[in-house]
Amino acid sequence: LSARLVDRPIAEITADELAEEVGVSRVTFFNYFPAKEAALEMVLLVWLYERQCEIESRRRRGLAALDAIFRAMGAFVHEGPQRARQLVAWFVAMPVERAPTLTRAEREAIAGEGAPAPAQRSLGEMLQQHLREAREAGEVEVASSDYEMAHLLGALVVGGCLIGHSRPRQDWERLYRHHLRQALGL
């Protein structure tokens, strides 16, 4: 689904073609996803978890981890602005009380064979953790709480998806990092 969303809106993608692509029946597809739009959740969860695994495997902390999130989002937006906008639209429409998660088997499959599969965190939890690490390391000094700053940074990440098609990739990644540093007063 992620690859198809790069060039096509979800309305043009059928559940049948998604099922065929991965070699399962239509019934099996709908056993896991009540509608093709529900598969968007998995795309988002996998992307977030891949970022978490990448940050942990490279032992990035604080500002370096935040920068990695923003850099990865810049690349994601550049590779498929339409896909990014569709994921953001789905994400903001999702009920707040709903906390989707990956199963342990899914986390292990994403992390890779033999790699540690950390507990899944939301984007907000990841941002708060890395903000806390940045404060503890003396990398940032902002008056707002980690919770408030995580919301601001999350808004920058989401907002970037909506306008990411307007710049070349290098500019977009640079702008993402610039916004991160502006928000943190660096």
N, C-alpha and C. Protein backbone atom coordinates (compact mmCIF):
# COMPACT_ATOMS: atom_id res chain seq x y z
N LEU A 1 0.84 -1.19 0.00
CA LEU A 1 0.00 0.00 0.00
C LEU A 1 0.87 1.24 0.00
N SER A 2 1.90 1.24 0.82
CA SER A 2 2.77 2.40 0.89
C SER A 2 3.35 2.75 -0.47
N ALA A 3 3.84 1.76 -1.19
CA ALA A 3 4.42 2.02 -2.51
C ALA A 3 3.36 2.51 -3.50
N ARG A 4 2.19 1.97 -3.44
CA ARG A 4 1.13 2.38 -4.38
C ARG A 4 0.63 3.78 -4.08
N LEU A 5 0.65 4.18 -2.82
CA LEU A 5 0.18 5.52 -2.45
C LEU A 5 1.09 6.63 -2.97
N VAL A 6 2.30 6.29 -3.37
CA VAL A 6 3.21 7.29 -3.89
C VAL A 6 2.64 7.91 -5.17
N ASP A 7 2.02 7.09 -6.01
CA ASP A 7 1.54 7.56 -7.31
C ASP A 7 0.03 7.65 -7.45
N ARG A 8 -0.71 7.03 -6.50
CA ARG A 8 -2.16 6.96 -6.65
C ARG A 8 -2.88 7.27 -5.35
N PRO A 9 -4.04 7.89 -5.45
CA PRO A 9 -4.84 8.09 -4.24
C PRO A 9 -5.44 6.77 -3.79
N ILE A 10 -5.73 6.66 -2.51
CA ILE A 10 -6.25 5.41 -1.98
C ILE A 10 -7.57 5.02 -2.63
N ALA A 11 -8.33 6.00 -3.09
CA ALA A 11 -9.61 5.70 -3.75
C ALA A 11 -9.43 4.88 -5.02
N GLU A 12 -8.25 4.98 -5.65
CA GLU A 12 -8.00 4.23 -6.89
C GLU A 12 -7.34 2.87 -6.65
N ILE A 13 -7.00 2.57 -5.42
CA ILE A 13 -6.34 1.31 -5.09
C ILE A 13 -7.40 0.35 -4.53
N THR A 14 -7.44 -0.86 -5.07
CA THR A 14 -8.45 -1.81 -4.61
C THR A 14 -7.86 -2.79 -3.60
N ALA A 15 -8.72 -3.27 -2.75
CA ALA A 15 -8.31 -4.31 -1.79
C ALA A 15 -7.86 -5.56 -2.53
N ASP A 16 -8.50 -5.84 -3.65
CA ASP A 16 -8.12 -7.02 -4.45
C ASP A 16 -6.68 -6.93 -4.93
N GLU A 17 -6.27 -5.76 -5.43
CA GLU A 17 -4.89 -5.64 -5.91
C GLU A 17 -3.89 -5.69 -4.76
N LEU A 18 -4.26 -5.16 -3.60
CA LEU A 18 -3.37 -5.24 -2.44
C LEU A 18 -3.21 -6.69 -1.99
N ALA A 19 -4.32 -7.42 -1.95
CA ALA A 19 -4.27 -8.83 -1.56
C ALA A 19 -3.44 -9.63 -2.55
N GLU A 20 -3.66 -9.38 -3.82
CA GLU A 20 -2.91 -10.10 -4.86
C GLU A 20 -1.41 -9.79 -4.77
N GLU A 21 -1.08 -8.55 -4.51
CA GLU A 21 0.33 -8.12 -4.41
C GLU A 21 1.09 -8.90 -3.34
N VAL A 22 0.44 -9.17 -2.22
CA VAL A 22 1.13 -9.88 -1.13
C VAL A 22 0.82 -11.38 -1.11
N GLY A 23 0.04 -11.83 -2.09
CA GLY A 23 -0.20 -13.26 -2.22
C GLY A 23 -1.18 -13.84 -1.23
N VAL A 24 -2.19 -13.06 -0.87
CA VAL A 24 -3.24 -13.58 0.01
C VAL A 24 -4.58 -13.39 -0.67
N SER A 25 -5.58 -14.07 -0.16
CA SER A 25 -6.93 -13.92 -0.72
C SER A 25 -7.57 -12.63 -0.20
N ARG A 26 -8.61 -12.23 -0.88
CA ARG A 26 -9.39 -11.07 -0.45
C ARG A 26 -9.93 -11.27 0.96
N VAL A 27 -10.38 -12.49 1.24
CA VAL A 27 -10.91 -12.82 2.57
C VAL A 27 -9.84 -12.63 3.64
N THR A 28 -8.63 -13.11 3.36
CA THR A 28 -7.53 -12.95 4.31
C THR A 28 -7.22 -11.47 4.53
N PHE A 29 -7.18 -10.71 3.44
CA PHE A 29 -6.93 -9.27 3.57
C PHE A 29 -7.94 -8.64 4.53
N PHE A 30 -9.22 -8.93 4.30
CA PHE A 30 -10.26 -8.33 5.13
C PHE A 30 -10.31 -8.93 6.54
N ASN A 31 -9.68 -10.07 6.74
CA ASN A 31 -9.55 -10.61 8.08
C ASN A 31 -8.63 -9.72 8.92
N TYR A 32 -7.62 -9.12 8.30
CA TYR A 32 -6.67 -8.25 9.00
C TYR A 32 -7.08 -6.78 8.96
N PHE A 33 -7.71 -6.38 7.88
CA PHE A 33 -8.09 -4.97 7.70
C PHE A 33 -9.57 -4.90 7.32
N PRO A 34 -10.41 -4.27 8.14
CA PRO A 34 -11.84 -4.21 7.82
C PRO A 34 -12.13 -3.42 6.54
N ALA A 35 -11.20 -2.56 6.15
CA ALA A 35 -11.32 -1.79 4.90
C ALA A 35 -9.90 -1.46 4.45
N LYS A 36 -9.76 -1.17 3.18
CA LYS A 36 -8.41 -0.87 2.68
C LYS A 36 -7.82 0.35 3.38
N GLU A 37 -8.67 1.29 3.78
CA GLU A 37 -8.18 2.47 4.49
C GLU A 37 -7.56 2.10 5.83
N ALA A 38 -8.02 1.00 6.43
CA ALA A 38 -7.45 0.56 7.71
C ALA A 38 -6.00 0.12 7.55
N ALA A 39 -5.62 -0.24 6.35
CA ALA A 39 -4.22 -0.61 6.10
C ALA A 39 -3.30 0.60 6.22
N LEU A 40 -3.86 1.80 6.10
CA LEU A 40 -3.05 3.02 6.30
C LEU A 40 -2.43 3.04 7.69
N GLU A 41 -3.20 2.56 8.65
CA GLU A 41 -2.70 2.49 10.03
C GLU A 41 -1.41 1.68 10.09
N MET A 42 -1.39 0.56 9.40
CA MET A 42 -0.20 -0.29 9.41
C MET A 42 0.98 0.42 8.75
N VAL A 43 0.73 1.14 7.66
CA VAL A 43 1.80 1.89 7.00
C VAL A 43 2.43 2.88 7.99
N LEU A 44 1.59 3.60 8.70
CA LEU A 44 2.07 4.58 9.66
C LEU A 44 2.81 3.92 10.82
N LEU A 45 2.22 2.87 11.37
CA LEU A 45 2.84 2.17 12.50
C LEU A 45 4.21 1.60 12.12
N VAL A 46 4.30 1.01 10.93
CA VAL A 46 5.56 0.44 10.47
C VAL A 46 6.60 1.54 10.30
N TRP A 47 6.21 2.66 9.68
CA TRP A 47 7.16 3.76 9.48
C TRP A 47 7.70 4.25 10.83
N LEU A 48 6.79 4.49 11.77
CA LEU A 48 7.22 4.96 13.09
C LEU A 48 8.14 3.96 13.78
N TYR A 49 7.78 2.70 13.70
CA TYR A 49 8.58 1.68 14.38
C TYR A 49 9.95 1.53 13.71
N GLU A 50 10.00 1.64 12.40
CA GLU A 50 11.29 1.60 11.71
C GLU A 50 12.18 2.75 12.17
N ARG A 51 11.60 3.94 12.37
CA ARG A 51 12.38 5.08 12.86
C ARG A 51 12.91 4.78 14.27
N GLN A 52 12.05 4.23 15.10
CA GLN A 52 12.44 3.90 16.47
C GLN A 52 13.59 2.90 16.47
N CYS A 53 13.47 1.85 15.67
CA CYS A 53 14.53 0.83 15.60
C CYS A 53 15.83 1.42 15.06
N GLU A 54 15.72 2.26 14.03
CA GLU A 54 16.91 2.89 13.45
C GLU A 54 17.62 3.77 14.49
N ILE A 55 16.86 4.57 15.21
CA ILE A 55 17.44 5.46 16.22
C ILE A 55 18.11 4.65 17.32
N GLU A 56 17.44 3.60 17.78
CA GLU A 56 18.01 2.78 18.85
C GLU A 56 19.22 1.98 18.38
N SER A 57 19.16 1.45 17.15
CA SER A 57 20.30 0.65 16.67
C SER A 57 21.54 1.51 16.44
N ARG A 58 21.33 2.77 16.12
CA ARG A 58 22.47 3.68 15.90
C ARG A 58 22.82 4.46 17.16
N ARG A 59 22.13 4.13 18.24
CA ARG A 59 22.38 4.73 19.55
C ARG A 59 22.30 6.26 19.53
N ARG A 60 21.34 6.75 18.79
CA ARG A 60 21.13 8.19 18.75
C ARG A 60 20.28 8.58 19.94
N ARG A 61 20.63 9.71 20.50
CA ARG A 61 19.89 10.20 21.66
C ARG A 61 19.72 11.71 21.51
N GLY A 62 18.79 12.25 22.23
CA GLY A 62 18.60 13.69 22.27
C GLY A 62 18.40 14.33 20.92
N LEU A 63 19.16 15.39 20.68
CA LEU A 63 19.02 16.17 19.46
C LEU A 63 19.32 15.34 18.21
N ALA A 64 20.28 14.44 18.29
CA ALA A 64 20.59 13.58 17.14
C ALA A 64 19.40 12.69 16.78
N ALA A 65 18.68 12.20 17.77
CA ALA A 65 17.50 11.37 17.52
C ALA A 65 16.37 12.21 16.93
N LEU A 66 16.16 13.41 17.46
CA LEU A 66 15.13 14.29 16.90
C LEU A 66 15.46 14.65 15.46
N ASP A 67 16.73 14.94 15.21
CA ASP A 67 17.16 15.26 13.85
C ASP A 67 16.91 14.08 12.91
N ALA A 68 17.16 12.86 13.39
CA ALA A 68 16.93 11.67 12.57
C ALA A 68 15.45 11.53 12.21
N ILE A 69 14.56 11.82 13.15
CA ILE A 69 13.12 11.76 12.87
C ILE A 69 12.76 12.78 11.81
N PHE A 70 13.23 14.01 11.96
CA PHE A 70 12.90 15.06 11.00
C PHE A 70 13.52 14.77 9.63
N ARG A 71 14.74 14.27 9.61
CA ARG A 71 15.40 13.95 8.34
C ARG A 71 14.63 12.81 7.62
N ALA A 72 14.24 11.79 8.37
CA ALA A 72 13.49 10.68 7.78
C ALA A 72 12.13 11.14 7.26
N MET A 73 11.48 12.03 7.98
CA MET A 73 10.20 12.54 7.50
C MET A 73 10.39 13.37 6.23
N GLY A 74 11.45 14.15 6.18
CA GLY A 74 11.74 14.91 4.96
C GLY A 74 11.90 14.00 3.77
N ALA A 75 12.62 12.90 3.93
CA ALA A 75 12.82 11.94 2.85
C ALA A 75 11.50 11.26 2.48
N PHE A 76 10.71 10.90 3.48
CA PHE A 76 9.41 10.25 3.25
C PHE A 76 8.48 11.15 2.46
N VAL A 77 8.43 12.43 2.83
CA VAL A 77 7.57 13.37 2.14
C VAL A 77 8.05 13.55 0.70
N HIS A 78 9.34 13.70 0.53
CA HIS A 78 9.88 13.90 -0.81
C HIS A 78 9.60 12.70 -1.72
N GLU A 79 9.75 11.50 -1.19
CA GLU A 79 9.54 10.29 -1.99
C GLU A 79 8.09 10.13 -2.42
N GLY A 80 7.17 10.62 -1.62
CA GLY A 80 5.75 10.45 -1.97
C GLY A 80 4.88 11.49 -1.28
N PRO A 81 4.87 12.73 -1.79
CA PRO A 81 4.06 13.76 -1.13
C PRO A 81 2.58 13.39 -1.03
N GLN A 82 2.05 12.76 -2.08
CA GLN A 82 0.64 12.35 -2.05
C GLN A 82 0.42 11.31 -0.95
N ARG A 83 1.34 10.35 -0.83
CA ARG A 83 1.24 9.32 0.21
C ARG A 83 1.28 9.99 1.58
N ALA A 84 2.20 10.92 1.76
CA ALA A 84 2.32 11.60 3.04
C ALA A 84 1.04 12.35 3.40
N ARG A 85 0.47 13.05 2.44
CA ARG A 85 -0.78 13.78 2.71
C ARG A 85 -1.92 12.82 3.07
N GLN A 86 -2.00 11.69 2.38
CA GLN A 86 -3.06 10.73 2.68
C GLN A 86 -2.89 10.13 4.07
N LEU A 87 -1.65 9.86 4.45
CA LEU A 87 -1.42 9.32 5.79
C LEU A 87 -1.75 10.35 6.86
N VAL A 88 -1.39 11.60 6.62
CA VAL A 88 -1.70 12.64 7.59
C VAL A 88 -3.21 12.81 7.72
N ALA A 89 -3.93 12.81 6.60
CA ALA A 89 -5.39 12.94 6.65
C ALA A 89 -6.00 11.82 7.47
N TRP A 90 -5.51 10.59 7.26
CA TRP A 90 -6.02 9.47 8.04
C TRP A 90 -5.66 9.63 9.52
N PHE A 91 -4.41 10.01 9.78
CA PHE A 91 -3.90 10.13 11.14
C PHE A 91 -4.70 11.15 11.95
N VAL A 92 -4.95 12.32 11.38
CA VAL A 92 -5.66 13.36 12.14
C VAL A 92 -7.13 13.02 12.32
N ALA A 93 -7.68 12.15 11.47
CA ALA A 93 -9.08 11.75 11.62
C ALA A 93 -9.25 10.59 12.61
N MET A 94 -8.15 9.95 13.00
CA MET A 94 -8.22 8.81 13.92
C MET A 94 -8.62 9.30 15.32
N PRO A 95 -9.54 8.60 15.97
CA PRO A 95 -9.95 9.00 17.33
C PRO A 95 -8.76 9.03 18.28
N VAL A 96 -8.70 10.04 19.13
CA VAL A 96 -7.58 10.23 20.05
C VAL A 96 -7.43 9.08 21.02
N GLU A 97 -8.56 8.54 21.51
CA GLU A 97 -8.49 7.47 22.51
C GLU A 97 -8.01 6.15 21.93
N ARG A 98 -7.89 6.07 20.64
CA ARG A 98 -7.46 4.83 20.00
C ARG A 98 -5.94 4.80 19.95
N ALA A 99 -5.35 3.77 20.47
CA ALA A 99 -3.89 3.65 20.48
C ALA A 99 -3.49 2.39 19.73
N PRO A 100 -3.36 2.45 18.41
CA PRO A 100 -3.02 1.25 17.65
C PRO A 100 -1.60 0.78 17.98
N THR A 101 -1.42 -0.53 17.98
CA THR A 101 -0.11 -1.08 18.29
C THR A 101 0.22 -2.23 17.35
N LEU A 102 1.48 -2.51 17.25
CA LEU A 102 1.97 -3.66 16.50
C LEU A 102 2.07 -4.84 17.46
N THR A 103 1.89 -6.03 16.95
CA THR A 103 2.07 -7.21 17.79
C THR A 103 3.57 -7.44 17.99
N ARG A 104 3.89 -8.27 18.95
CA ARG A 104 5.30 -8.60 19.18
C ARG A 104 5.94 -9.21 17.93
N ALA A 105 5.20 -10.10 17.26
CA ALA A 105 5.72 -10.73 16.04
C ALA A 105 5.96 -9.68 14.95
N GLU A 106 5.07 -8.71 14.82
CA GLU A 106 5.25 -7.65 13.83
C GLU A 106 6.48 -6.80 14.17
N ARG A 107 6.63 -6.48 15.45
CA ARG A 107 7.80 -5.69 15.87
C ARG A 107 9.09 -6.45 15.58
N GLU A 108 9.11 -7.75 15.87
CA GLU A 108 10.31 -8.56 15.61
C GLU A 108 10.60 -8.65 14.12
N ALA A 109 9.56 -8.75 13.30
CA ALA A 109 9.76 -8.81 11.85
C ALA A 109 10.34 -7.49 11.32
N ILE A 110 9.89 -6.38 11.86
CA ILE A 110 10.39 -5.07 11.42
C ILE A 110 11.81 -4.84 11.91
N ALA A 111 12.08 -5.20 13.16
CA ALA A 111 13.42 -4.98 13.74
C ALA A 111 14.47 -5.83 13.04
N GLY A 112 14.08 -6.98 12.55
CA GLY A 112 15.02 -7.87 11.87
C GLY A 112 15.39 -9.04 12.77
N GLU A 113 15.77 -10.10 12.13
CA GLU A 113 16.10 -11.33 12.86
C GLU A 113 17.28 -11.09 13.80
N GLY A 114 17.09 -11.45 15.06
CA GLY A 114 18.14 -11.33 16.05
C GLY A 114 18.30 -9.94 16.65
N ALA A 115 17.66 -8.94 16.07
CA ALA A 115 17.76 -7.58 16.60
C ALA A 115 16.79 -7.40 17.76
N PRO A 116 17.14 -6.56 18.72
CA PRO A 116 16.18 -6.29 19.79
C PRO A 116 14.95 -5.59 19.22
N ALA A 117 13.79 -5.96 19.68
CA ALA A 117 12.54 -5.35 19.23
C ALA A 117 11.98 -4.53 20.38
N PRO A 118 12.31 -3.23 20.41
CA PRO A 118 11.88 -2.40 21.54
C PRO A 118 10.36 -2.27 21.61
N ALA A 119 9.88 -1.92 22.78
CA ALA A 119 8.45 -1.66 22.93
C ALA A 119 8.08 -0.50 22.01
N GLN A 120 6.91 -0.59 21.44
CA GLN A 120 6.46 0.44 20.49
C GLN A 120 6.09 1.72 21.23
N ARG A 121 6.46 2.86 20.64
CA ARG A 121 6.07 4.16 21.18
C ARG A 121 5.41 4.98 20.07
N SER A 122 4.53 5.86 20.47
CA SER A 122 3.90 6.77 19.51
C SER A 122 4.90 7.86 19.13
N LEU A 123 4.58 8.63 18.11
CA LEU A 123 5.44 9.73 17.72
C LEU A 123 5.61 10.70 18.88
N GLY A 124 4.52 11.01 19.56
CA GLY A 124 4.59 11.92 20.70
C GLY A 124 5.50 11.40 21.81
N GLU A 125 5.40 10.11 22.10
CA GLU A 125 6.27 9.52 23.13
C GLU A 125 7.73 9.55 22.70
N MET A 126 7.98 9.30 21.41
CA MET A 126 9.36 9.35 20.92
C MET A 126 9.91 10.77 21.03
N LEU A 127 9.12 11.75 20.61
CA LEU A 127 9.56 13.14 20.67
C LEU A 127 9.82 13.56 22.12
N GLN A 128 8.93 13.19 23.03
CA GLN A 128 9.12 13.55 24.44
C GLN A 128 10.40 12.92 25.00
N GLN A 129 10.63 11.65 24.69
CA GLN A 129 11.82 10.97 25.19
C GLN A 129 13.08 11.67 24.71
N HIS A 130 13.14 11.97 23.42
CA HIS A 130 14.35 12.57 22.87
C HIS A 130 14.51 14.03 23.30
N LEU A 131 13.42 14.73 23.53
CA LEU A 131 13.51 16.07 24.10
C LEU A 131 14.09 16.01 25.51
N ARG A 132 13.60 15.05 26.30
CA ARG A 132 14.10 14.87 27.66
C ARG A 132 15.61 14.57 27.64
N GLU A 133 16.03 13.69 26.72
CA GLU A 133 17.45 13.36 26.59
C GLU A 133 18.26 14.60 26.18
N ALA A 134 17.71 15.40 25.28
CA ALA A 134 18.41 16.61 24.83
C ALA A 134 18.56 17.60 25.98
N ARG A 135 17.53 17.73 26.80
CA ARG A 135 17.63 18.61 27.97
C ARG A 135 18.69 18.10 28.95
N GLU A 136 18.64 16.79 29.22
CA GLU A 136 19.59 16.20 30.17
C GLU A 136 21.03 16.34 29.70
N ALA A 137 21.23 16.31 28.38
CA ALA A 137 22.58 16.44 27.82
C ALA A 137 22.99 17.90 27.66
N GLY A 138 22.09 18.83 28.00
CA GLY A 138 22.39 20.24 27.86
C GLY A 138 22.37 20.73 26.41
N GLU A 139 21.72 19.97 25.53
CA GLU A 139 21.67 20.35 24.11
C GLU A 139 20.60 21.40 23.83
N VAL A 140 19.55 21.44 24.65
CA VAL A 140 18.48 22.42 24.48
C VAL A 140 18.07 22.96 25.84
N GLU A 141 17.64 24.22 25.80
CA GLU A 141 17.09 24.86 26.99
C GLU A 141 15.87 25.64 26.55
N VAL A 142 14.71 25.01 26.66
CA VAL A 142 13.46 25.68 26.31
C VAL A 142 12.57 25.71 27.55
N ALA A 143 11.79 26.77 27.65
CA ALA A 143 10.94 26.95 28.83
C ALA A 143 9.74 26.01 28.84
N SER A 144 9.27 25.60 27.69
CA SER A 144 8.10 24.73 27.61
C SER A 144 8.41 23.32 28.09
N SER A 145 7.39 22.62 28.52
CA SER A 145 7.57 21.23 28.96
C SER A 145 7.85 20.33 27.76
N ASP A 146 8.37 19.15 28.04
CA ASP A 146 8.61 18.18 26.97
C ASP A 146 7.31 17.83 26.27
N TYR A 147 6.23 17.74 27.03
CA TYR A 147 4.92 17.43 26.46
C TYR A 147 4.49 18.52 25.48
N GLU A 148 4.61 19.78 25.90
CA GLU A 148 4.22 20.90 25.02
C GLU A 148 5.12 20.96 23.79
N MET A 149 6.41 20.77 23.98
CA MET A 149 7.34 20.82 22.85
C MET A 149 7.11 19.65 21.90
N ALA A 150 6.77 18.48 22.44
CA ALA A 150 6.49 17.33 21.58
C ALA A 150 5.28 17.62 20.70
N HIS A 151 4.28 18.31 21.24
CA HIS A 151 3.12 18.69 20.42
C HIS A 151 3.52 19.66 19.32
N LEU A 152 4.36 20.62 19.65
CA LEU A 152 4.81 21.57 18.63
C LEU A 152 5.62 20.87 17.55
N LEU A 153 6.55 20.02 17.96
CA LEU A 153 7.36 19.28 16.97
C LEU A 153 6.49 18.33 16.15
N GLY A 154 5.52 17.69 16.79
CA GLY A 154 4.60 16.82 16.06
C GLY A 154 3.82 17.61 15.01
N ALA A 155 3.40 18.82 15.37
CA ALA A 155 2.69 19.67 14.41
C ALA A 155 3.60 20.04 13.23
N LEU A 156 4.87 20.26 13.50
CA LEU A 156 5.82 20.56 12.41
C LEU A 156 5.97 19.34 11.50
N VAL A 157 6.05 18.16 12.08
CA VAL A 157 6.19 16.94 11.29
C VAL A 157 4.95 16.76 10.41
N VAL A 158 3.77 16.88 11.01
CA VAL A 158 2.52 16.69 10.27
C VAL A 158 2.32 17.79 9.24
N GLY A 159 2.57 19.03 9.63
CA GLY A 159 2.41 20.15 8.69
C GLY A 159 3.33 20.03 7.49
N GLY A 160 4.52 19.53 7.71
CA GLY A 160 5.46 19.35 6.61
C GLY A 160 4.94 18.39 5.56
N CYS A 161 4.19 17.40 5.99
CA CYS A 161 3.61 16.44 5.05
C CYS A 161 2.64 17.11 4.10
N LEU A 162 1.97 18.12 4.57
CA LEU A 162 0.94 18.77 3.77
C LEU A 162 1.51 19.66 2.66
N ILE A 163 2.73 20.16 2.86
CA ILE A 163 3.30 21.07 1.87
C ILE A 163 4.62 20.57 1.30
N GLY A 164 4.99 19.33 1.60
CA GLY A 164 6.28 18.79 1.21
C GLY A 164 6.55 18.67 -0.26
N HIS A 165 5.54 18.75 -1.09
CA HIS A 165 5.73 18.61 -2.53
C HIS A 165 6.31 19.86 -3.17
N SER A 166 6.39 20.95 -2.43
CA SER A 166 6.76 22.22 -3.04
C SER A 166 8.26 22.49 -3.10
N ARG A 167 9.08 21.60 -2.59
CA ARG A 167 10.53 21.82 -2.55
C ARG A 167 11.29 20.58 -2.98
N PRO A 168 12.50 20.77 -3.51
CA PRO A 168 13.35 19.60 -3.77
C PRO A 168 13.70 18.92 -2.45
N ARG A 169 14.06 17.64 -2.52
CA ARG A 169 14.32 16.85 -1.31
C ARG A 169 15.36 17.49 -0.40
N GLN A 170 16.48 17.93 -0.94
CA GLN A 170 17.53 18.49 -0.10
C GLN A 170 17.02 19.73 0.64
N ASP A 171 16.26 20.55 -0.06
CA ASP A 171 15.70 21.74 0.59
C ASP A 171 14.71 21.35 1.67
N TRP A 172 13.90 20.32 1.38
CA TRP A 172 12.88 19.95 2.34
C TRP A 172 13.50 19.38 3.61
N GLU A 173 14.50 18.53 3.48
CA GLU A 173 15.17 17.99 4.67
C GLU A 173 15.84 19.13 5.46
N ARG A 174 16.44 20.07 4.74
CA ARG A 174 17.08 21.21 5.40
C ARG A 174 16.03 22.05 6.13
N LEU A 175 14.87 22.29 5.48
CA LEU A 175 13.81 23.05 6.12
C LEU A 175 13.28 22.35 7.37
N TYR A 176 13.11 21.03 7.28
CA TYR A 176 12.67 20.28 8.46
C TYR A 176 13.64 20.49 9.62
N ARG A 177 14.93 20.33 9.36
CA ARG A 177 15.93 20.50 10.41
C ARG A 177 15.96 21.95 10.92
N HIS A 178 15.77 22.90 10.00
CA HIS A 178 15.72 24.32 10.39
C HIS A 178 14.54 24.55 11.34
N HIS A 179 13.38 24.01 11.01
CA HIS A 179 12.20 24.18 11.87
C HIS A 179 12.42 23.53 13.23
N LEU A 180 13.05 22.37 13.24
CA LEU A 180 13.38 21.71 14.50
C LEU A 180 14.24 22.62 15.36
N ARG A 181 15.28 23.18 14.78
CA ARG A 181 16.19 24.03 15.54
C ARG A 181 15.52 25.33 15.98
N GLN A 182 14.66 25.89 15.14
CA GLN A 182 13.93 27.11 15.50
C GLN A 182 13.01 26.83 16.69
N ALA A 183 12.30 25.71 16.63
CA ALA A 183 11.37 25.38 17.72
C ALA A 183 12.11 25.16 19.04
N LEU A 184 13.33 24.64 18.95
CA LEU A 184 14.11 24.37 20.16
C LEU A 184 14.99 25.53 20.57
N GLY A 185 14.93 26.63 19.81
CA GLY A 185 15.71 27.82 20.16
C GLY A 185 17.20 27.64 19.94
N LEU A 186 17.59 26.85 18.96
CA LEU A 186 19.02 26.61 18.70
C LEU A 186 19.55 27.53 17.63
